[in-house]
Amino acid sequence: MNTKTEKTIEELEAEAEVSDNISDVKWFDIPVLLIFFVLFVIVALQFITRYVLNDSLSWTEEIARYILIMLAFVGSASNVRKHKHIFLEFFYRYLSAKSVKVIVLLVEVLVGGFFTYLGWLCYVLASETTQNMVSVNLPKNIVYYIVTIACFVSVVFAVFNIVKYIKTSAQDIYTEKLNIKDY
């Protein structure tokens, strides 16, 4: 009972394999990679000082926490750009192509609205925060402003996605969302 919309186990395994192809990495992804690298270095430093030297640096845990927050939101902007939202493919299989296009557009509008509201809230929080970090003499609002920028970048990508999906045919969106190669 294998139709063109159902994938075989072999096809799923082939998709799950790790690839050396990094062609989808664009300059927009460089901040995510840099933040991730800095987080890796700080956590490695924390591990080495705590478990190897038995003398933990006090600032590494707090800075790692804030960098992880930045990584989450800057990474979310990258995910919006790449259309990597979490979605239930299950429902798309039972809907028409036109219904899928409407849902995809609605999701992009919701994503844009969510990040607009979140970006505004972060901006208000950042502008009202005057505290410094506990272990490092830096203002906390640096983190909040970076999250604000990441949210508004996500909004820009969501708008680009909306424009792209409006111009794309319903059948092409349906095929893209279900990863159908030959339909």
Protein backbone atom coordinates (compact mmCIF):
# COMPACT_ATOMS: atom_id res chain seq x y z
CA MET A 1 0.00 0.00 0.00
CA ASN A 2 2.77 2.40 -0.92
CA THR A 3 1.54 5.57 -2.62
CA LYS A 4 3.61 8.42 -3.92
CA THR A 5 3.08 10.42 -0.72
CA GLU A 6 4.25 7.66 1.60
CA LYS A 7 7.96 7.10 2.16
CA THR A 8 9.62 3.75 2.44
CA ILE A 9 11.88 2.88 5.35
CA GLU A 10 14.89 3.05 3.04
CA GLU A 11 13.97 6.58 1.93
CA LEU A 12 13.59 7.70 5.54
CA GLU A 13 16.93 6.17 6.49
CA ALA A 14 18.61 7.87 3.53
CA GLU A 15 17.22 11.25 4.64
CA ALA A 16 18.41 10.67 8.21
CA GLU A 17 22.04 10.17 7.20
CA VAL A 18 24.50 12.92 8.03
CA SER A 19 25.80 14.77 5.01
CA ASP A 20 28.90 16.83 4.36
CA ASN A 21 26.81 19.21 2.26
CA ILE A 22 26.74 22.64 3.89
CA SER A 23 25.25 24.47 0.93
CA ASP A 24 22.29 25.68 3.00
CA VAL A 25 24.59 27.56 5.41
CA LYS A 26 24.45 31.25 4.53
CA TRP A 27 26.04 34.33 6.05
CA PHE A 28 22.90 34.69 8.21
CA ASP A 29 24.00 31.53 10.03
CA ILE A 30 27.45 32.85 11.00
CA PRO A 31 26.22 34.51 14.24
CA VAL A 32 24.62 31.22 15.30
CA LEU A 33 27.84 29.34 14.65
CA LEU A 34 29.93 31.94 16.48
CA ILE A 35 27.62 31.96 19.50
CA PHE A 36 27.67 28.17 19.55
CA PHE A 37 31.48 28.15 19.38
CA VAL A 38 31.74 30.66 22.25
CA LEU A 39 29.29 28.57 24.29
CA PHE A 40 31.37 25.46 23.62
CA VAL A 41 34.58 27.18 24.73
CA ILE A 42 33.00 28.54 27.93
CA VAL A 43 31.42 25.21 28.88
CA ALA A 44 34.70 23.39 28.13
CA LEU A 45 36.53 25.95 30.28
CA GLN A 46 33.97 25.42 33.04
CA PHE A 47 34.40 21.64 32.84
CA ILE A 48 38.21 21.81 32.88
CA THR A 49 38.40 24.25 35.77
CA ARG A 50 35.80 22.43 37.83
CA TYR A 51 36.72 18.77 37.30
CA VAL A 52 40.37 18.86 36.29
CA LEU A 53 41.74 21.79 38.29
CA ASN A 54 39.20 21.51 41.16
CA ASP A 55 38.90 25.30 41.17
CA SER A 56 35.84 26.46 39.22
CA LEU A 57 35.68 29.88 37.64
CA SER A 58 32.66 31.65 39.08
CA TRP A 59 31.58 33.51 35.94
CA THR A 60 31.40 30.61 33.48
CA GLU A 61 28.01 29.27 34.59
CA GLU A 62 26.22 32.61 34.37
CA ILE A 63 27.78 33.58 31.05
CA ALA A 64 27.03 30.13 29.60
CA ARG A 65 23.38 30.55 30.64
CA TYR A 66 23.09 33.93 28.90
CA ILE A 67 24.88 32.70 25.80
CA LEU A 68 22.53 29.71 25.65
CA ILE A 69 19.58 32.12 25.70
CA MET A 70 21.13 34.12 22.87
CA LEU A 71 21.83 30.91 20.93
CA ALA A 72 18.20 29.84 21.21
CA PHE A 73 16.79 33.07 19.80
CA VAL A 74 19.44 33.73 17.16
CA GLY A 75 19.07 30.08 16.13
CA SER A 76 15.30 30.52 15.89
CA ALA A 77 15.85 33.29 13.34
CA SER A 78 17.92 30.85 11.31
CA ASN A 79 15.15 28.26 11.57
CA VAL A 80 12.53 30.73 10.38
CA ARG A 81 14.76 31.52 7.39
CA LYS A 82 15.13 27.83 6.51
CA HIS A 83 11.42 27.00 7.06
CA LYS A 84 12.35 24.52 9.78
CA HIS A 85 9.31 25.08 11.97
CA ILE A 86 8.00 22.16 13.89
CA PHE A 87 4.86 21.04 12.10
CA LEU A 88 2.67 18.01 11.92
CA GLU A 89 3.15 16.46 8.52
CA PHE A 90 0.45 13.96 9.43
CA PHE A 91 -2.38 16.47 8.86
CA TYR A 92 -0.93 17.75 5.60
CA ARG A 93 -1.24 14.28 4.09
CA TYR A 94 -5.03 14.37 4.41
CA LEU A 95 -5.60 17.90 3.15
CA SER A 96 -5.76 19.31 -0.34
CA ALA A 97 -2.87 21.35 -1.73
CA LYS A 98 -4.90 24.57 -1.44
CA SER A 99 -5.66 23.85 2.22
CA VAL A 100 -1.99 23.21 2.90
CA LYS A 101 -1.08 26.54 1.30
CA VAL A 102 -3.61 28.36 3.49
CA ILE A 103 -2.29 26.63 6.62
CA VAL A 104 1.34 27.33 5.70
CA LEU A 105 0.53 31.02 5.15
CA LEU A 106 -1.39 31.14 8.42
CA VAL A 107 1.54 29.56 10.27
CA GLU A 108 3.96 32.12 8.82
CA VAL A 109 1.64 34.96 9.84
CA LEU A 110 1.41 33.50 13.36
CA VAL A 111 5.20 33.12 13.53
CA GLY A 112 5.67 36.71 12.40
CA GLY A 113 3.10 37.95 14.89
CA PHE A 114 4.60 35.93 17.72
CA PHE A 115 8.12 37.20 17.10
CA THR A 116 6.85 40.77 16.68
CA TYR A 117 5.14 40.64 20.07
CA LEU A 118 8.08 38.86 21.69
CA GLY A 119 10.53 41.35 20.19
CA TRP A 120 8.48 44.24 21.53
CA LEU A 121 8.35 42.68 25.01
CA CYS A 122 12.11 42.09 24.94
CA TYR A 123 12.71 45.67 23.87
CA VAL A 124 10.60 46.98 26.76
CA LEU A 125 12.39 44.65 29.17
CA ALA A 126 15.82 45.65 27.84
CA SER A 127 15.08 49.36 28.03
CA GLU A 128 13.86 49.07 31.63
CA THR A 129 16.65 46.79 32.89
CA THR A 130 19.45 48.58 34.69
CA GLN A 131 20.99 45.64 36.58
CA ASN A 132 24.40 44.18 35.92
CA MET A 133 25.16 40.49 35.73
CA VAL A 134 26.09 38.96 39.07
CA SER A 135 29.54 37.57 38.30
CA VAL A 136 30.61 39.89 35.47
CA ASN A 137 30.31 43.66 35.47
CA LEU A 138 28.22 43.84 32.28
CA PRO A 139 24.64 45.05 31.95
CA LYS A 140 22.00 42.33 31.61
CA ASN A 141 20.18 44.27 28.94
CA ILE A 142 22.89 43.28 26.42
CA VAL A 143 21.32 39.82 26.34
CA TYR A 144 17.82 41.27 26.06
CA TYR A 145 18.80 43.55 23.17
CA ILE A 146 20.36 40.63 21.29
CA VAL A 147 17.17 38.62 21.81
CA THR A 148 15.17 41.64 20.60
CA ILE A 149 17.25 41.89 17.42
CA ALA A 150 16.93 38.14 16.83
CA CYS A 151 13.15 38.35 17.20
CA PHE A 152 12.86 41.17 14.69
CA VAL A 153 15.17 39.34 12.26
CA SER A 154 12.80 36.38 12.60
CA VAL A 155 9.93 38.71 11.69
CA VAL A 156 11.77 39.85 8.56
CA PHE A 157 12.36 36.24 7.53
CA ALA A 158 8.71 35.39 8.23
CA VAL A 159 7.62 38.25 5.95
CA PHE A 160 9.96 36.97 3.23
CA ASN A 161 8.46 33.50 3.69
CA ILE A 162 4.92 34.88 3.40
CA VAL A 163 5.78 36.68 0.16
CA LYS A 164 7.48 33.54 -1.17
CA TYR A 165 4.51 31.32 -0.31
CA ILE A 166 2.02 33.76 -1.82
CA LYS A 167 3.95 33.60 -5.11
CA THR A 168 4.35 29.80 -4.97
CA SER A 169 1.67 27.48 -6.31
CA ALA A 170 -0.33 25.39 -3.86
CA GLN A 171 0.93 22.17 -5.43
CA ASP A 172 4.57 23.21 -5.08
CA ILE A 173 4.05 24.07 -1.39
CA TYR A 174 2.29 20.74 -0.87
CA THR A 175 5.17 18.91 -2.53
CA GLU A 176 7.78 20.83 -0.50
CA LYS A 177 6.10 20.27 2.84
CA LEU A 178 5.63 16.57 2.29
CA ASN A 179 9.08 16.10 0.71
CA ILE A 180 7.57 14.42 -2.33
CA LYS A 181 10.13 13.92 -5.04
CA ASP A 182 7.90 12.64 -7.86
CA TYR A 183 4.31 13.72 -7.62
